[in-house]
Amino acid sequence: MAANIERLTGIESSFIINVENSRKIKERIIDKFKTIENVKKEIKSKYCLNELKKQGWIEFKDESNIMQMCIDILDFLKVRDFDAAEKLEEQVLFKKSGTDLKKISLWIARCDEISKKQKINEYNSYNLLLLIKDLKKYAYTKKGIIIEEITKLFNLYGIYFVCEKALSGSKVRGCFKVKNRNPAVYITDNYAGKDSFFFELFHELGHCKSDYNDAKNKVIIDGNKEKEERADNFSLSCMIGEKEWKEIIEKYKDEKILYQISNRYEIPMSFIVGRLAKNKYIKYSDQFYIKNYKN
């Protein structure tokens, strides 16, 4: 029908289809929320419109038109209506619900959009071991963290990687999912130093190792207790092996020996002091920690 109208009037069929789709979306929105006032109240309170605009995640076509802003949000989330948006939230393994879950869904959509620009290689499980080896080498040899370099490493081994600021008040540090056949690791910039950054990286890669199949249909943020403990233990073992950790806690009062252990096993000092502080062998306020938590 749109093609026939185009032939008769010269109006492009794509324009006609877009207008018709917008009309159907607006009908579904009103059917769900009943009135325009309810739409305004629901969308403004739960979808962080000002922050989405401020952070440049969405360019709203008409800020005076709440229905158009709804369509812009649905386009951003890649869903056809707000019922589908709620089903999208059901795919997220997260212990909390409500507004924070909506913020997380928006953050995931933002990360998905960024990841589209990445050119990645084919993934296989052996790549995971190679990536972990290269990440450990990177952590030891580099003083700082350059996100672009980390991204290239992930992409080289067939994994999407995005580090993106979360929406304010959102309690998310990272997530793991599978896009087509390629794993995707998304983390926020909410890390204090090198040790917390790499702990989160290795934690999500722990999900990649153990929960790849689950992540084909779910976005893993907080899995069950078993999943999270397994990912935590995987991360800790990647950062410092069990044998090396025993040696560290035996000599943790001798700074000179700890530097020797760091050099011998190529473990960043930030990993050593971070774990010692977390396990209360030293304090975060100790000069030894402050001196090394970025190294």
C-alpha atoms as a PDB file:
ATOM      1  CA  MET A   1       0.000   0.000   0.000  1.00  0.00           C
ATOM      2  CA  ALA A   2       2.826   2.394   0.855  1.00  0.00           C
ATOM      3  CA  ALA A   3       4.442   1.606  -2.513  1.00  0.00           C
ATOM      4  CA  ASN A   4       1.172   2.331  -4.334  1.00  0.00           C
ATOM      5  CA  ILE A   5       0.799   5.644  -2.492  1.00  0.00           C
ATOM      6  CA  GLU A   6       4.395   6.521  -3.429  1.00  0.00           C
ATOM      7  CA  ARG A   7       3.651   5.881  -7.103  1.00  0.00           C
ATOM      8  CA  LEU A   8       0.507   8.026  -6.972  1.00  0.00           C
ATOM      9  CA  THR A   9       1.757  10.912  -4.828  1.00  0.00           C
ATOM     10  CA  GLY A  10       5.556  10.838  -4.930  1.00  0.00           C
ATOM     11  CA  ILE A  11       5.692  10.576  -1.113  1.00  0.00           C
ATOM     12  CA  GLU A  12       8.413   8.062  -0.210  1.00  0.00           C
ATOM     13  CA  SER A  13       7.090   4.741   1.068  1.00  0.00           C
ATOM     14  CA  SER A  14       9.671   4.728   3.903  1.00  0.00           C
ATOM     15  CA  PHE A  15       8.195   7.997   5.224  1.00  0.00           C
ATOM     16  CA  ILE A  16       4.668   6.580   5.061  1.00  0.00           C
ATOM     17  CA  ILE A  17       5.745   3.417   6.908  1.00  0.00           C
ATOM     18  CA  ASN A  18       7.525   5.442   9.600  1.00  0.00           C
ATOM     19  CA  VAL A  19       4.442   7.590  10.160  1.00  0.00           C
ATOM     20  CA  GLU A  20       2.246   4.489  10.420  1.00  0.00           C
ATOM     21  CA  ASN A  21       4.677   2.779  12.818  1.00  0.00           C
ATOM     22  CA  SER A  22       4.792   5.906  15.001  1.00  0.00           C
ATOM     23  CA  ARG A  23       0.986   5.992  15.102  1.00  0.00           C
ATOM     24  CA  LYS A  24       0.849   2.337  16.242  1.00  0.00           C
ATOM     25  CA  ILE A  25       3.518   2.921  18.896  1.00  0.00           C
ATOM     26  CA  LYS A  26       1.643   5.932  20.266  1.00  0.00           C
ATOM     27  CA  GLU A  27      -1.557   3.886  20.412  1.00  0.00           C
ATOM     28  CA  ARG A  28       0.227   1.167  22.402  1.00  0.00           C
ATOM     29  CA  ILE A  29       1.695   3.769  24.789  1.00  0.00           C
ATOM     30  CA  ILE A  30      -1.721   5.320  25.488  1.00  0.00           C
ATOM     31  CA  ASP A  31      -3.245   1.864  25.835  1.00  0.00           C
ATOM     32  CA  LYS A  32      -0.660   1.035  28.511  1.00  0.00           C
ATOM     33  CA  PHE A  33      -0.614   4.298  30.480  1.00  0.00           C
ATOM     34  CA  LYS A  34      -4.203   5.498  29.706  1.00  0.00           C
ATOM     35  CA  THR A  35      -3.496   9.262  29.661  1.00  0.00           C
ATOM     36  CA  ILE A  36      -0.792  11.661  28.476  1.00  0.00           C
ATOM     37  CA  GLU A  37      -0.331  12.838  32.067  1.00  0.00           C
ATOM     38  CA  ASN A  38       0.363   9.259  33.165  1.00  0.00           C
ATOM     39  CA  VAL A  39       2.854   8.906  30.302  1.00  0.00           C
ATOM     40  CA  LYS A  40       4.709  12.051  31.418  1.00  0.00           C
ATOM     41  CA  LYS A  41       4.763  10.942  35.053  1.00  0.00           C
ATOM     42  CA  GLU A  42       5.957   7.411  34.273  1.00  0.00           C
ATOM     43  CA  ILE A  43       8.601   8.284  31.701  1.00  0.00           C
ATOM     44  CA  LYS A  44      10.064  11.301  33.494  1.00  0.00           C
ATOM     45  CA  SER A  45      10.297   9.488  36.826  1.00  0.00           C
ATOM     46  CA  LYS A  46      11.791   6.220  35.573  1.00  0.00           C
ATOM     47  CA  TYR A  47      13.794   6.894  32.427  1.00  0.00           C
ATOM     48  CA  CYS A  48      16.247   9.626  33.482  1.00  0.00           C
ATOM     49  CA  LEU A  49      15.439  11.913  30.537  1.00  0.00           C
ATOM     50  CA  ASN A  50      17.654  14.806  31.625  1.00  0.00           C
ATOM     51  CA  GLU A  51      20.641  12.593  32.307  1.00  0.00           C
ATOM     52  CA  LEU A  52      20.237  10.689  29.029  1.00  0.00           C
ATOM     53  CA  LYS A  53      20.325  14.045  27.248  1.00  0.00           C
ATOM     54  CA  LYS A  54      23.180  15.434  29.356  1.00  0.00           C
ATOM     55  CA  GLN A  55      25.397  12.393  28.757  1.00  0.00           C
ATOM     56  CA  GLY A  56      24.598  12.434  25.049  1.00  0.00           C
ATOM     57  CA  TRP A  57      23.146   8.939  25.004  1.00  0.00           C
ATOM     58  CA  ILE A  58      19.934  10.031  23.271  1.00  0.00           C
ATOM     59  CA  GLU A  59      19.340  13.012  21.002  1.00  0.00           C
ATOM     60  CA  PHE A  60      15.633  13.691  21.513  1.00  0.00           C
ATOM     61  CA  LYS A  61      13.913  14.816  18.326  1.00  0.00           C
ATOM     62  CA  ASP A  62      11.291  16.983  20.071  1.00  0.00           C
ATOM     63  CA  GLU A  63      11.581  17.609  23.815  1.00  0.00           C
ATOM     64  CA  SER A  64       8.206  19.352  23.879  1.00  0.00           C
ATOM     65  CA  ASN A  65       6.490  16.158  22.703  1.00  0.00           C
ATOM     66  CA  ILE A  66       6.443  13.421  25.362  1.00  0.00           C
ATOM     67  CA  MET A  67       5.172  10.829  22.851  1.00  0.00           C
ATOM     68  CA  GLN A  68       8.108  11.504  20.548  1.00  0.00           C
ATOM     69  CA  MET A  69      10.463  11.236  23.526  1.00  0.00           C
ATOM     70  CA  CYS A  70       8.912   7.846  24.309  1.00  0.00           C
ATOM     71  CA  ILE A  71       9.558   6.740  20.736  1.00  0.00           C
ATOM     72  CA  ASP A  72      13.175   7.953  21.027  1.00  0.00           C
ATOM     73  CA  ILE A  73      13.650   5.883  24.211  1.00  0.00           C
ATOM     74  CA  LEU A  74      12.125   2.788  22.599  1.00  0.00           C
ATOM     75  CA  ASP A  75      14.400   3.261  19.567  1.00  0.00           C
ATOM     76  CA  PHE A  76      17.381   3.524  21.928  1.00  0.00           C
ATOM     77  CA  LEU A  77      16.374   0.302  23.711  1.00  0.00           C
ATOM     78  CA  LYS A  78      15.653  -1.384  20.347  1.00  0.00           C
ATOM     79  CA  VAL A  79      12.142  -2.471  21.393  1.00  0.00           C
ATOM     80  CA  ARG A  80       8.677  -1.752  19.949  1.00  0.00           C
ATOM     81  CA  ASP A  81       6.836  -0.785  23.153  1.00  0.00           C
ATOM     82  CA  PHE A  82       7.221  -0.483  26.916  1.00  0.00           C
ATOM     83  CA  ASP A  83       5.863  -3.995  27.491  1.00  0.00           C
ATOM     84  CA  ALA A  84       8.796  -5.253  25.441  1.00  0.00           C
ATOM     85  CA  ALA A  85      11.097  -2.976  27.467  1.00  0.00           C
ATOM     86  CA  GLU A  86       9.906  -4.678  30.654  1.00  0.00           C
ATOM     87  CA  LYS A  87      10.547  -8.097  29.100  1.00  0.00           C
ATOM     88  CA  LEU A  88      14.027  -6.851  28.253  1.00  0.00           C
ATOM     89  CA  GLU A  89      14.555  -6.114  31.947  1.00  0.00           C
ATOM     90  CA  GLU A  90      13.515  -9.695  32.770  1.00  0.00           C
ATOM     91  CA  GLN A  91      16.566 -10.921  30.843  1.00  0.00           C
ATOM     92  CA  VAL A  92      18.879  -9.153  33.292  1.00  0.00           C
ATOM     93  CA  LEU A  93      20.104 -11.252  36.202  1.00  0.00           C
ATOM     94  CA  PHE A  94      20.135  -8.617  38.937  1.00  0.00           C
ATOM     95  CA  LYS A  95      18.985  -8.846  42.542  1.00  0.00           C
ATOM     96  CA  LYS A  96      17.156  -5.532  42.611  1.00  0.00           C
ATOM     97  CA  SER A  97      14.229  -4.216  40.580  1.00  0.00           C
ATOM     98  CA  GLY A  98      12.460  -0.926  39.911  1.00  0.00           C
ATOM     99  CA  THR A  99      14.167   2.255  38.767  1.00  0.00           C
ATOM    100  CA  ASP A 100      17.684   0.891  39.145  1.00  0.00           C
ATOM    101  CA  LEU A 101      16.893  -1.976  36.782  1.00  0.00           C
ATOM    102  CA  LYS A 102      15.606   0.515  34.200  1.00  0.00           C
ATOM    103  CA  LYS A 103      18.820   2.519  34.553  1.00  0.00           C
ATOM    104  CA  ILE A 104      20.822  -0.647  34.043  1.00  0.00           C
ATOM    105  CA  SER A 105      18.808  -1.556  30.941  1.00  0.00           C
ATOM    106  CA  LEU A 106      19.561   1.902  29.529  1.00  0.00           C
ATOM    107  CA  TRP A 107      23.251   1.491  30.382  1.00  0.00           C
ATOM    108  CA  ILE A 108      23.361  -1.911  28.653  1.00  0.00           C
ATOM    109  CA  ALA A 109      21.682  -0.406  25.580  1.00  0.00           C
ATOM    110  CA  ARG A 110      24.309   2.347  25.555  1.00  0.00           C
ATOM    111  CA  CYS A 111      27.120  -0.221  25.773  1.00  0.00           C
ATOM    112  CA  ASP A 112      25.510  -2.270  22.982  1.00  0.00           C
ATOM    113  CA  GLU A 113      25.483   0.830  20.788  1.00  0.00           C
ATOM    114  CA  ILE A 114      29.172   1.558  21.457  1.00  0.00           C
ATOM    115  CA  SER A 115      30.154  -2.068  20.851  1.00  0.00           C
ATOM    116  CA  LYS A 116      28.650  -1.948  17.337  1.00  0.00           C
ATOM    117  CA  LYS A 117      31.622   0.127  16.222  1.00  0.00           C
ATOM    118  CA  GLN A 118      34.137  -2.528  17.286  1.00  0.00           C
ATOM    119  CA  LYS A 119      35.707  -4.898  14.768  1.00  0.00           C
ATOM    120  CA  ILE A 120      36.297  -8.196  16.485  1.00  0.00           C
ATOM    121  CA  ASN A 121      37.781 -11.530  15.506  1.00  0.00           C
ATOM    122  CA  GLU A 122      36.144 -14.926  15.810  1.00  0.00           C
ATOM    123  CA  TYR A 123      35.884 -16.236  19.367  1.00  0.00           C
ATOM    124  CA  ASN A 124      36.774 -19.630  20.764  1.00  0.00           C
ATOM    125  CA  SER A 125      37.330 -20.785  24.351  1.00  0.00           C
ATOM    126  CA  TYR A 126      41.112 -20.977  23.886  1.00  0.00           C
ATOM    127  CA  ASN A 127      41.108 -17.234  23.171  1.00  0.00           C
ATOM    128  CA  LEU A 128      40.007 -16.644  26.754  1.00  0.00           C
ATOM    129  CA  LEU A 129      43.252 -18.112  28.107  1.00  0.00           C
ATOM    130  CA  LEU A 130      45.307 -16.007  25.706  1.00  0.00           C
ATOM    131  CA  LEU A 131      43.420 -12.847  26.642  1.00  0.00           C
ATOM    132  CA  ILE A 132      43.920 -13.438  30.373  1.00  0.00           C
ATOM    133  CA  LYS A 133      47.642 -13.985  29.799  1.00  0.00           C
ATOM    134  CA  ASP A 134      47.908 -10.709  27.856  1.00  0.00           C
ATOM    135  CA  LEU A 135      45.844  -8.797  30.421  1.00  0.00           C
ATOM    136  CA  LYS A 136      48.100  -9.968  33.249  1.00  0.00           C
ATOM    137  CA  LYS A 137      51.149  -8.894  31.244  1.00  0.00           C
ATOM    138  CA  TYR A 138      49.509  -5.532  30.515  1.00  0.00           C
ATOM    139  CA  ALA A 139      48.694  -4.999  34.197  1.00  0.00           C
ATOM    140  CA  TYR A 140      52.290  -5.724  35.211  1.00  0.00           C
ATOM    141  CA  THR A 141      54.095  -3.727  32.518  1.00  0.00           C
ATOM    142  CA  LYS A 142      51.829  -0.660  32.274  1.00  0.00           C
ATOM    143  CA  LYS A 143      51.534   1.914  35.049  1.00  0.00           C
ATOM    144  CA  GLY A 144      48.142   3.277  34.050  1.00  0.00           C
ATOM    145  CA  ILE A 145      45.002   1.995  32.354  1.00  0.00           C
ATOM    146  CA  ILE A 146      44.307   3.023  28.768  1.00  0.00           C
ATOM    147  CA  ILE A 147      40.807   1.838  27.859  1.00  0.00           C
ATOM    148  CA  GLU A 148      41.493   1.927  24.121  1.00  0.00           C
ATOM    149  CA  GLU A 149      44.378  -0.514  24.553  1.00  0.00           C
ATOM    150  CA  ILE A 150      42.305  -2.851  26.731  1.00  0.00           C
ATOM    151  CA  THR A 151      39.521  -2.728  24.114  1.00  0.00           C
ATOM    152  CA  LYS A 152      41.930  -3.728  21.336  1.00  0.00           C
ATOM    153  CA  LEU A 153      43.088  -6.718  23.367  1.00  0.00           C
ATOM    154  CA  PHE A 154      39.530  -7.905  23.939  1.00  0.00           C
ATOM    155  CA  ASN A 155      38.584  -7.407  20.285  1.00  0.00           C
ATOM    156  CA  LEU A 156      41.701  -9.271  19.146  1.00  0.00           C
ATOM    157  CA  TYR A 157      40.441 -12.369  20.933  1.00  0.00           C
ATOM    158  CA  GLY A 158      36.840 -12.039  19.757  1.00  0.00           C
ATOM    159  CA  ILE A 159      35.269 -10.309  22.765  1.00  0.00           C
ATOM    160  CA  TYR A 160      33.393  -7.006  22.834  1.00  0.00           C
ATOM    161  CA  PHE A 161      34.539  -4.637  25.567  1.00  0.00           C
ATOM    162  CA  VAL A 162      33.020  -1.350  26.727  1.00  0.00           C
ATOM    163  CA  CYS A 163      33.822   0.823  29.736  1.00  0.00           C
ATOM    164  CA  GLU A 164      31.022   3.379  30.119  1.00  0.00           C
ATOM    165  CA  LYS A 165      29.875   5.602  32.966  1.00  0.00           C
ATOM    166  CA  ALA A 166      26.671   4.345  34.618  1.00  0.00           C
ATOM    167  CA  LEU A 167      23.630   6.522  35.211  1.00  0.00           C
ATOM    168  CA  SER A 168      23.671   8.258  38.593  1.00  0.00           C
ATOM    169  CA  GLY A 169      22.555   6.116  41.510  1.00  0.00           C
ATOM    170  CA  SER A 170      22.837   2.924  39.511  1.00  0.00           C
ATOM    171  CA  LYS A 171      24.437   0.084  41.478  1.00  0.00           C
ATOM    172  CA  VAL A 172      26.170  -1.728  38.639  1.00  0.00           C
ATOM    173  CA  ARG A 173      29.874  -2.393  38.158  1.00  0.00           C
ATOM    174  CA  GLY A 174      29.813  -4.659  35.139  1.00  0.00           C
ATOM    175  CA  CYS A 175      27.953  -7.303  33.171  1.00  0.00           C
ATOM    176  CA  PHE A 176      28.507 -10.233  30.850  1.00  0.00           C
ATOM    177  CA  LYS A 177      26.411 -11.234  27.848  1.00  0.00           C
ATOM    178  CA  VAL A 178      26.771 -12.992  24.504  1.00  0.00           C
ATOM    179  CA  LYS A 179      26.070 -11.157  21.246  1.00  0.00           C
ATOM    180  CA  ASN A 180      25.514 -13.677  18.470  1.00  0.00           C
ATOM    181  CA  ARG A 181      28.445 -15.988  19.311  1.00  0.00           C
ATOM    182  CA  ASN A 182      30.820 -13.365  20.664  1.00  0.00           C
ATOM    183  CA  PRO A 183      31.098 -12.655  24.405  1.00  0.00           C
ATOM    184  CA  ALA A 184      30.650  -9.068  25.561  1.00  0.00           C
ATOM    185  CA  VAL A 185      32.099  -7.576  28.742  1.00  0.00           C
ATOM    186  CA  TYR A 186      30.735  -4.212  29.838  1.00  0.00           C
ATOM    187  CA  ILE A 187      32.044  -2.402  32.938  1.00  0.00           C
ATOM    188  CA  THR A 188      31.496   1.021  34.472  1.00  0.00           C
ATOM    189  CA  ASP A 189      34.248   3.515  35.277  1.00  0.00           C
ATOM    190  CA  ASN A 190      33.512   3.032  38.984  1.00  0.00           C
ATOM    191  CA  TYR A 191      36.921   1.705  40.008  1.00  0.00           C
ATOM    192  CA  ALA A 192      39.367   3.177  42.520  1.00  0.00           C
ATOM    193  CA  GLY A 193      42.615   1.793  41.133  1.00  0.00           C
ATOM    194  CA  LYS A 194      44.248  -0.827  38.967  1.00  0.00           C
ATOM    195  CA  ASP A 195      43.420  -3.741  41.277  1.00  0.00           C
ATOM    196  CA  SER A 196      39.662  -3.011  41.352  1.00  0.00           C
ATOM    197  CA  PHE A 197      39.609  -2.457  37.574  1.00  0.00           C
ATOM    198  CA  PHE A 198      41.272  -5.789  36.813  1.00  0.00           C
ATOM    199  CA  PHE A 199      39.270  -7.605  39.484  1.00  0.00           C
ATOM    200  CA  GLU A 200      36.094  -6.577  37.638  1.00  0.00           C
ATOM    201  CA  LEU A 201      37.577  -7.560  34.258  1.00  0.00           C
ATOM    202  CA  PHE A 202      38.591 -11.008  35.450  1.00  0.00           C
ATOM    203  CA  HIS A 203      35.281 -11.427  37.300  1.00  0.00           C
ATOM    204  CA  GLU A 204      33.326 -10.918  34.062  1.00  0.00           C
ATOM    205  CA  LEU A 205      35.735 -13.214  32.205  1.00  0.00           C
ATOM    206  CA  GLY A 206      35.019 -15.778  34.908  1.00  0.00           C
ATOM    207  CA  HIS A 207      31.383 -15.627  33.794  1.00  0.00           C
ATOM    208  CA  CYS A 208      32.605 -16.033  30.220  1.00  0.00           C
ATOM    209  CA  LYS A 209      34.438 -19.210  31.208  1.00  0.00           C
ATOM    210  CA  SER A 210      31.617 -20.776  33.241  1.00  0.00           C
ATOM    211  CA  ASP A 211      28.362 -19.112  32.169  1.00  0.00           C
ATOM    212  CA  TYR A 212      28.755 -18.596  28.409  1.00  0.00           C
ATOM    213  CA  ASN A 213      25.663 -20.652  27.502  1.00  0.00           C
ATOM    214  CA  ASP A 214      23.478 -18.954  30.145  1.00  0.00           C
ATOM    215  CA  ALA A 215      24.552 -15.560  28.825  1.00  0.00           C
ATOM    216  CA  LYS A 216      23.143 -16.314  25.374  1.00  0.00           C
ATOM    217  CA  ASN A 217      19.685 -15.549  26.764  1.00  0.00           C
ATOM    218  CA  LYS A 218      20.495 -13.549  29.900  1.00  0.00           C
ATOM    219  CA  VAL A 219      22.592 -10.525  30.836  1.00  0.00           C
ATOM    220  CA  ILE A 220      24.571 -11.528  33.913  1.00  0.00           C
ATOM    221  CA  ILE A 221      25.070  -8.752  36.463  1.00  0.00           C
ATOM    222  CA  ASP A 222      24.291 -10.591  39.677  1.00  0.00           C
ATOM    223  CA  GLY A 223      23.861 -14.297  39.080  1.00  0.00           C
ATOM    224  CA  ASN A 224      23.089 -16.707  41.871  1.00  0.00           C
ATOM    225  CA  LYS A 225      25.456 -17.046  44.823  1.00  0.00           C
ATOM    226  CA  GLU A 226      27.314 -19.960  43.229  1.00  0.00           C
ATOM    227  CA  LYS A 227      27.906 -18.059  39.977  1.00  0.00           C
ATOM    228  CA  GLU A 228      29.175 -14.942  41.733  1.00  0.00           C
ATOM    229  CA  GLU A 229      31.481 -16.801  44.137  1.00  0.00           C
ATOM    230  CA  ARG A 230      32.902 -18.802  41.242  1.00  0.00           C
ATOM    231  CA  ALA A 231      33.541 -15.625  39.231  1.00  0.00           C
ATOM    232  CA  ASP A 232      35.125 -13.928  42.276  1.00  0.00           C
ATOM    233  CA  ASN A 233      37.443 -16.880  42.906  1.00  0.00           C
ATOM    234  CA  PHE A 234      38.365 -17.013  39.235  1.00  0.00           C
ATOM    235  CA  SER A 235      39.247 -13.320  39.329  1.00  0.00           C
ATOM    236  CA  LEU A 236      41.371 -13.653  42.472  1.00  0.00           C
ATOM    237  CA  SER A 237      43.264 -16.621  41.018  1.00  0.00           C
ATOM    238  CA  CYS A 238      43.959 -14.710  37.796  1.00  0.00           C
ATOM    239  CA  MET A 239      45.371 -11.788  39.752  1.00  0.00           C
ATOM    240  CA  ILE A 240      47.401 -13.785  42.299  1.00  0.00           C
ATOM    241  CA  GLY A 241      47.825 -17.559  42.251  1.00  0.00           C
ATOM    242  CA  GLU A 242      47.207 -19.615  45.396  1.00  0.00           C
ATOM    243  CA  LYS A 243      50.891 -20.472  45.851  1.00  0.00           C
ATOM    244  CA  GLU A 244      51.989 -16.856  45.423  1.00  0.00           C
ATOM    245  CA  TRP A 245      49.283 -15.621  47.800  1.00  0.00           C
ATOM    246  CA  LYS A 246      50.480 -17.958  50.552  1.00  0.00           C
ATOM    247  CA  GLU A 247      53.997 -16.607  50.096  1.00  0.00           C
ATOM    248  CA  ILE A 248      52.700 -13.028  50.235  1.00  0.00           C
ATOM    249  CA  ILE A 249      50.766 -13.410  53.487  1.00  0.00           C
ATOM    250  CA  GLU A 250      53.737 -15.151  55.105  1.00  0.00           C
ATOM    251  CA  LYS A 251      55.924 -12.122  54.334  1.00  0.00           C
ATOM    252  CA  TYR A 252      53.354  -9.319  54.240  1.00  0.00           C
ATOM    253  CA  LYS A 253      55.160  -7.294  56.933  1.00  0.00           C
ATOM    254  CA  ASP A 254      58.387  -7.170  54.904  1.00  0.00           C
ATOM    255  CA  GLU A 255      57.939  -4.616  52.121  1.00  0.00           C
ATOM    256  CA  LYS A 256      61.267  -5.439  50.500  1.00  0.00           C
ATOM    257  CA  ILE A 257      60.333  -9.094  50.080  1.00  0.00           C
ATOM    258  CA  LEU A 258      56.909  -8.167  48.705  1.00  0.00           C
ATOM    259  CA  TYR A 259      58.610  -6.130  45.975  1.00  0.00           C
ATOM    260  CA  GLN A 260      60.789  -9.151  45.212  1.00  0.00           C
ATOM    261  CA  ILE A 261      57.701 -11.380  44.964  1.00  0.00           C
ATOM    262  CA  SER A 262      56.079  -8.841  42.661  1.00  0.00           C
ATOM    263  CA  ASN A 263      59.090  -8.899  40.320  1.00  0.00           C
ATOM    264  CA  ARG A 264      59.615 -12.661  40.470  1.00  0.00           C
ATOM    265  CA  TYR A 265      56.047 -13.602  39.606  1.00  0.00           C
ATOM    266  CA  GLU A 266      55.226 -10.454  37.598  1.00  0.00           C
ATOM    267  CA  ILE A 267      52.356  -9.490  39.869  1.00  0.00           C
ATOM    268  CA  PRO A 268      51.528  -5.749  39.994  1.00  0.00           C
ATOM    269  CA  MET A 269      52.084  -4.253  43.434  1.00  0.00           C
ATOM    270  CA  SER A 270      48.551  -2.829  43.236  1.00  0.00           C
ATOM    271  CA  PHE A 271      47.212  -6.405  43.176  1.00  0.00           C
ATOM    272  CA  ILE A 272      49.281  -7.306  46.226  1.00  0.00           C
ATOM    273  CA  VAL A 273      48.437  -4.291  48.392  1.00  0.00           C
ATOM    274  CA  GLY A 274      44.815  -4.303  47.246  1.00  0.00           C
ATOM    275  CA  ARG A 275      44.265  -7.874  48.340  1.00  0.00           C
ATOM    276  CA  LEU A 276      46.223  -7.418  51.561  1.00  0.00           C
ATOM    277  CA  ALA A 277      44.024  -4.434  52.427  1.00  0.00           C
ATOM    278  CA  LYS A 278      40.818  -6.242  51.470  1.00  0.00           C
ATOM    279  CA  ASN A 279      41.775  -9.152  53.728  1.00  0.00           C
ATOM    280  CA  LYS A 280      42.747  -6.717  56.538  1.00  0.00           C
ATOM    281  CA  TYR A 281      46.442  -7.592  56.664  1.00  0.00           C
ATOM    282  CA  ILE A 282      47.146  -3.911  56.060  1.00  0.00           C
ATOM    283  CA  LYS A 283      44.970  -0.774  56.133  1.00  0.00           C
ATOM    284  CA  TYR A 284      43.864   1.309  53.166  1.00  0.00           C
ATOM    285  CA  SER A 285      45.284   4.282  55.053  1.00  0.00           C
ATOM    286  CA  ASP A 286      48.788   2.719  55.305  1.00  0.00           C
ATOM    287  CA  GLN A 287      51.481   4.530  53.330  1.00  0.00           C
ATOM    288  CA  PHE A 288      52.524   1.209  51.803  1.00  0.00           C
ATOM    289  CA  TYR A 289      49.044   0.816  50.289  1.00  0.00           C
ATOM    290  CA  ILE A 290      48.762   4.461  49.188  1.00  0.00           C
ATOM    291  CA  LYS A 291      52.193   4.287  47.551  1.00  0.00           C
ATOM    292  CA  ASN A 292      51.349   1.196  45.486  1.00  0.00           C
ATOM    293  CA  TYR A 293      47.596   0.976  44.816  1.00  0.00           C
ATOM    294  CA  LYS A 294      48.000   2.415  41.293  1.00  0.00           C
ATOM    295  CA  ASN A 295      51.154   0.499  40.350  1.00  0.00           C
END
